[in-house]
Amino acid sequence: MSRHQTSIVAELRERGLRVTAPRHAVLEWLIGHPHATAEQVHRGVSTRLGAISKQAVYDVLSACVAADLVRQIKPAGHPARFERRTHDNHHHLVCRGCGQIEDSDCHIESAPCLQPVHDHGFEIDEAEVVFWGLCRTCQAKARQAAT
């Protein structure tokens, strides 16, 4: 068993989840494919496991998000994305053109990195920041289309 496989088994057990082939395959696949949609996860895991329903993938993702093994991000106007990078203070850059998503580490190591002017009595433990713009490829396409 590889280091990743051992780690995944331990993570599932630590969170009180049964170790199943679909859970293991989803978590392992997401290591190399951050910011994937559920559809992309389904296609990737299907090549490893063979027949697996989309609903099974959604169920695995839901359980893993609830167990804090997977982070779900929901950029406006785009399908939900999933990544294994949890337990740190990072944000995302989203391209308005092609939808590409990249991680952006926060300048402040501990969460939250922003404080509202008035917290209305909330005990704030996280701030979600999404930066929007155009990636280099879409910038080049826009410049080319303008000429």
C-alpha atoms as a PDB file:
ATOM      1  CA  MET A   1       0.000   0.000   0.000  1.00  0.00           C
ATOM      2  CA  SER A   2       1.411   3.416  -0.972  1.00  0.00           C
ATOM      3  CA  ARG A   3       1.803   6.347   1.429  1.00  0.00           C
ATOM      4  CA  HIS A   4      -1.258   8.069  -0.083  1.00  0.00           C
ATOM      5  CA  GLN A   5      -3.346   4.913   0.235  1.00  0.00           C
ATOM      6  CA  THR A   6      -2.330   4.418   3.879  1.00  0.00           C
ATOM      7  CA  SER A   7      -3.032   8.069   4.614  1.00  0.00           C
ATOM      8  CA  ILE A   8      -6.480   7.925   3.015  1.00  0.00           C
ATOM      9  CA  VAL A   9      -7.421   4.815   4.976  1.00  0.00           C
ATOM     10  CA  ALA A  10      -6.281   6.505   8.204  1.00  0.00           C
ATOM     11  CA  GLU A  11      -8.140   9.736   7.385  1.00  0.00           C
ATOM     12  CA  LEU A  12     -11.387   7.901   6.700  1.00  0.00           C
ATOM     13  CA  ARG A  13     -11.106   5.881   9.900  1.00  0.00           C
ATOM     14  CA  GLU A  14     -10.199   8.961  11.989  1.00  0.00           C
ATOM     15  CA  ARG A  15     -13.409  10.628  10.785  1.00  0.00           C
ATOM     16  CA  GLY A  16     -15.497   7.558  11.582  1.00  0.00           C
ATOM     17  CA  LEU A  17     -16.138   6.701   7.934  1.00  0.00           C
ATOM     18  CA  ARG A  18     -15.972   3.187   6.558  1.00  0.00           C
ATOM     19  CA  VAL A  19     -13.181   2.587   4.089  1.00  0.00           C
ATOM     20  CA  THR A  20     -14.895   1.758   0.807  1.00  0.00           C
ATOM     21  CA  ALA A  21     -13.519   1.517  -2.709  1.00  0.00           C
ATOM     22  CA  PRO A  22     -15.545   4.535  -3.935  1.00  0.00           C
ATOM     23  CA  ARG A  23     -14.462   6.744  -1.013  1.00  0.00           C
ATOM     24  CA  HIS A  24     -10.852   5.723  -1.403  1.00  0.00           C
ATOM     25  CA  ALA A  25     -10.917   6.248  -5.174  1.00  0.00           C
ATOM     26  CA  VAL A  26     -12.536   9.702  -4.925  1.00  0.00           C
ATOM     27  CA  LEU A  27     -10.100  10.937  -2.283  1.00  0.00           C
ATOM     28  CA  GLU A  28      -7.101   9.554  -4.136  1.00  0.00           C
ATOM     29  CA  TRP A  29      -8.227  11.000  -7.483  1.00  0.00           C
ATOM     30  CA  LEU A  30      -8.794  14.445  -5.987  1.00  0.00           C
ATOM     31  CA  ILE A  31      -5.173  14.594  -4.786  1.00  0.00           C
ATOM     32  CA  GLY A  32      -4.016  15.041  -8.369  1.00  0.00           C
ATOM     33  CA  HIS A  33      -7.079  16.930  -9.646  1.00  0.00           C
ATOM     34  CA  PRO A  34      -7.926  19.870  -7.379  1.00  0.00           C
ATOM     35  CA  HIS A  35     -10.930  22.078  -8.135  1.00  0.00           C
ATOM     36  CA  ALA A  36     -12.726  19.265  -9.974  1.00  0.00           C
ATOM     37  CA  THR A  37     -16.461  19.228 -10.586  1.00  0.00           C
ATOM     38  CA  ALA A  38     -18.520  16.225  -9.474  1.00  0.00           C
ATOM     39  CA  GLU A  39     -18.810  15.284 -13.152  1.00  0.00           C
ATOM     40  CA  GLN A  40     -15.029  15.305 -13.544  1.00  0.00           C
ATOM     41  CA  VAL A  41     -14.622  13.260 -10.367  1.00  0.00           C
ATOM     42  CA  HIS A  42     -17.144  10.750 -11.696  1.00  0.00           C
ATOM     43  CA  ARG A  43     -15.286  10.371 -15.010  1.00  0.00           C
ATOM     44  CA  GLY A  44     -11.902  10.068 -13.277  1.00  0.00           C
ATOM     45  CA  VAL A  45     -13.058   7.565 -10.692  1.00  0.00           C
ATOM     46  CA  SER A  46     -14.941   5.525 -13.309  1.00  0.00           C
ATOM     47  CA  THR A  47     -11.671   4.858 -15.125  1.00  0.00           C
ATOM     48  CA  ARG A  48     -10.269   3.398 -11.894  1.00  0.00           C
ATOM     49  CA  LEU A  49     -13.276   1.517 -10.557  1.00  0.00           C
ATOM     50  CA  GLY A  50     -15.283   0.763 -13.655  1.00  0.00           C
ATOM     51  CA  ALA A  51     -18.999   1.170 -13.152  1.00  0.00           C
ATOM     52  CA  ILE A  52     -19.893   3.688 -10.447  1.00  0.00           C
ATOM     53  CA  SER A  53     -23.014   5.803 -10.495  1.00  0.00           C
ATOM     54  CA  LYS A  54     -22.936   9.578 -10.434  1.00  0.00           C
ATOM     55  CA  GLN A  55     -25.121   9.413  -7.349  1.00  0.00           C
ATOM     56  CA  ALA A  56     -22.501   7.299  -5.576  1.00  0.00           C
ATOM     57  CA  VAL A  57     -19.868   9.931  -6.373  1.00  0.00           C
ATOM     58  CA  TYR A  58     -22.160  12.714  -5.103  1.00  0.00           C
ATOM     59  CA  ASP A  59     -22.772  10.699  -1.920  1.00  0.00           C
ATOM     60  CA  VAL A  60     -19.032  10.181  -1.371  1.00  0.00           C
ATOM     61  CA  LEU A  61     -18.292  13.867  -1.971  1.00  0.00           C
ATOM     62  CA  SER A  62     -21.065  14.898   0.415  1.00  0.00           C
ATOM     63  CA  ALA A  63     -19.822  12.567   3.169  1.00  0.00           C
ATOM     64  CA  CYS A  64     -16.227  13.708   2.670  1.00  0.00           C
ATOM     65  CA  VAL A  65     -17.193  17.396   2.780  1.00  0.00           C
ATOM     66  CA  ALA A  66     -19.149  16.774   5.992  1.00  0.00           C
ATOM     67  CA  ALA A  67     -16.128  14.938   7.467  1.00  0.00           C
ATOM     68  CA  ASP A  68     -13.797  17.803   6.428  1.00  0.00           C
ATOM     69  CA  LEU A  69     -11.758  15.552   4.149  1.00  0.00           C
ATOM     70  CA  VAL A  70     -12.774  17.562   1.077  1.00  0.00           C
ATOM     71  CA  ARG A  71     -13.464  21.250   0.633  1.00  0.00           C
ATOM     72  CA  GLN A  72     -16.308  22.351  -1.619  1.00  0.00           C
ATOM     73  CA  ILE A  73     -16.130  25.724  -3.301  1.00  0.00           C
ATOM     74  CA  LYS A  74     -19.039  27.279  -5.170  1.00  0.00           C
ATOM     75  CA  PRO A  75     -17.931  30.083  -7.474  1.00  0.00           C
ATOM     76  CA  ALA A  76     -20.960  32.077  -8.647  1.00  0.00           C
ATOM     77  CA  GLY A  77     -22.193  30.946 -12.056  1.00  0.00           C
ATOM     78  CA  HIS A  78     -20.055  27.783 -12.025  1.00  0.00           C
ATOM     79  CA  PRO A  79     -20.652  24.244 -10.799  1.00  0.00           C
ATOM     80  CA  ALA A  80     -19.382  23.337  -7.341  1.00  0.00           C
ATOM     81  CA  ARG A  81     -15.746  22.285  -7.234  1.00  0.00           C
ATOM     82  CA  PHE A  82     -13.991  19.946  -4.837  1.00  0.00           C
ATOM     83  CA  GLU A  83     -10.446  19.810  -3.509  1.00  0.00           C
ATOM     84  CA  ARG A  84      -8.470  17.935  -0.868  1.00  0.00           C
ATOM     85  CA  ARG A  85      -6.742  21.068   0.425  1.00  0.00           C
ATOM     86  CA  THR A  86      -8.452  21.679   3.745  1.00  0.00           C
ATOM     87  CA  HIS A  87      -7.334  22.976   7.139  1.00  0.00           C
ATOM     88  CA  ASP A  88      -5.442  25.975   5.822  1.00  0.00           C
ATOM     89  CA  ASN A  89      -6.191  29.574   5.028  1.00  0.00           C
ATOM     90  CA  HIS A  90      -6.259  29.883   1.252  1.00  0.00           C
ATOM     91  CA  HIS A  91      -8.514  31.538  -1.281  1.00  0.00           C
ATOM     92  CA  HIS A  92      -9.261  31.067  -4.979  1.00  0.00           C
ATOM     93  CA  LEU A  93      -8.729  32.902  -8.247  1.00  0.00           C
ATOM     94  CA  VAL A  94     -11.454  32.224 -10.822  1.00  0.00           C
ATOM     95  CA  CYS A  95     -11.175  33.098 -14.510  1.00  0.00           C
ATOM     96  CA  ARG A  96     -14.318  34.764 -15.850  1.00  0.00           C
ATOM     97  CA  GLY A  97     -13.465  33.475 -19.332  1.00  0.00           C
ATOM     98  CA  CYS A  98     -12.722  29.768 -19.034  1.00  0.00           C
ATOM     99  CA  GLY A  99     -13.558  29.027 -15.386  1.00  0.00           C
ATOM    100  CA  GLN A 100     -10.013  27.966 -14.461  1.00  0.00           C
ATOM    101  CA  ILE A 101      -9.478  28.016 -10.687  1.00  0.00           C
ATOM    102  CA  GLU A 102      -6.169  28.460  -8.899  1.00  0.00           C
ATOM    103  CA  ASP A 103      -5.300  28.556  -5.207  1.00  0.00           C
ATOM    104  CA  SER A 104      -4.046  31.748  -3.616  1.00  0.00           C
ATOM    105  CA  ASP A 105      -2.459  31.535  -0.194  1.00  0.00           C
ATOM    106  CA  CYS A 106      -3.589  34.167   2.269  1.00  0.00           C
ATOM    107  CA  HIS A 107      -1.055  36.654   3.614  1.00  0.00           C
ATOM    108  CA  ILE A 108      -2.258  35.933   7.138  1.00  0.00           C
ATOM    109  CA  GLU A 109      -1.676  32.346   8.169  1.00  0.00           C
ATOM    110  CA  SER A 110      -4.587  31.937  10.573  1.00  0.00           C
ATOM    111  CA  ALA A 111      -8.254  32.249   9.685  1.00  0.00           C
ATOM    112  CA  PRO A 112     -10.099  34.486   9.334  1.00  0.00           C
ATOM    113  CA  CYS A 113      -7.859  36.802   7.374  1.00  0.00           C
ATOM    114  CA  LEU A 114     -10.515  39.520   7.133  1.00  0.00           C
ATOM    115  CA  GLN A 115     -12.663  41.098   9.786  1.00  0.00           C
ATOM    116  CA  PRO A 116     -15.999  42.804   9.069  1.00  0.00           C
ATOM    117  CA  VAL A 117     -16.544  46.352  10.241  1.00  0.00           C
ATOM    118  CA  HIS A 118     -19.287  45.061  12.555  1.00  0.00           C
ATOM    119  CA  ASP A 119     -19.503  41.381  13.521  1.00  0.00           C
ATOM    120  CA  HIS A 120     -23.122  41.587  14.833  1.00  0.00           C
ATOM    121  CA  GLY A 121     -22.175  39.257  17.678  1.00  0.00           C
ATOM    122  CA  PHE A 122     -20.878  36.485  15.428  1.00  0.00           C
ATOM    123  CA  GLU A 123     -17.821  34.493  16.448  1.00  0.00           C
ATOM    124  CA  ILE A 124     -16.083  34.497  13.067  1.00  0.00           C
ATOM    125  CA  ASP A 125     -13.821  31.586  12.219  1.00  0.00           C
ATOM    126  CA  GLU A 126     -13.511  31.862   8.436  1.00  0.00           C
ATOM    127  CA  ALA A 127     -13.645  34.377   5.605  1.00  0.00           C
ATOM    128  CA  GLU A 128     -14.248  33.142   2.078  1.00  0.00           C
ATOM    129  CA  VAL A 129     -12.578  35.227  -0.591  1.00  0.00           C
ATOM    130  CA  VAL A 130     -12.869  34.618  -4.323  1.00  0.00           C
ATOM    131  CA  PHE A 131     -10.811  36.723  -6.694  1.00  0.00           C
ATOM    132  CA  TRP A 132     -12.302  37.096 -10.184  1.00  0.00           C
ATOM    133  CA  GLY A 133     -10.500  38.056 -13.381  1.00  0.00           C
ATOM    134  CA  LEU A 134      -9.030  36.622 -16.568  1.00  0.00           C
ATOM    135  CA  CYS A 135      -6.289  34.008 -16.685  1.00  0.00           C
ATOM    136  CA  ARG A 136      -3.306  34.597 -18.987  1.00  0.00           C
ATOM    137  CA  THR A 137      -4.781  32.489 -21.781  1.00  0.00           C
ATOM    138  CA  CYS A 138      -8.095  34.360 -21.736  1.00  0.00           C
ATOM    139  CA  GLN A 139      -6.279  37.714 -21.548  1.00  0.00           C
ATOM    140  CA  ALA A 140      -4.328  36.792 -24.682  1.00  0.00           C
ATOM    141  CA  LYS A 141      -7.519  35.700 -26.464  1.00  0.00           C
ATOM    142  CA  ALA A 142      -9.224  38.981 -25.505  1.00  0.00           C
ATOM    143  CA  ARG A 143      -6.276  41.037 -26.790  1.00  0.00           C
ATOM    144  CA  GLN A 144      -6.229  39.017 -30.005  1.00  0.00           C
ATOM    145  CA  ALA A 145      -9.981  39.483 -30.515  1.00  0.00           C
ATOM    146  CA  ALA A 146      -9.624  43.238 -29.964  1.00  0.00           C
ATOM    147  CA  THR A 147      -7.035  43.601 -32.762  1.00  0.00           C
END
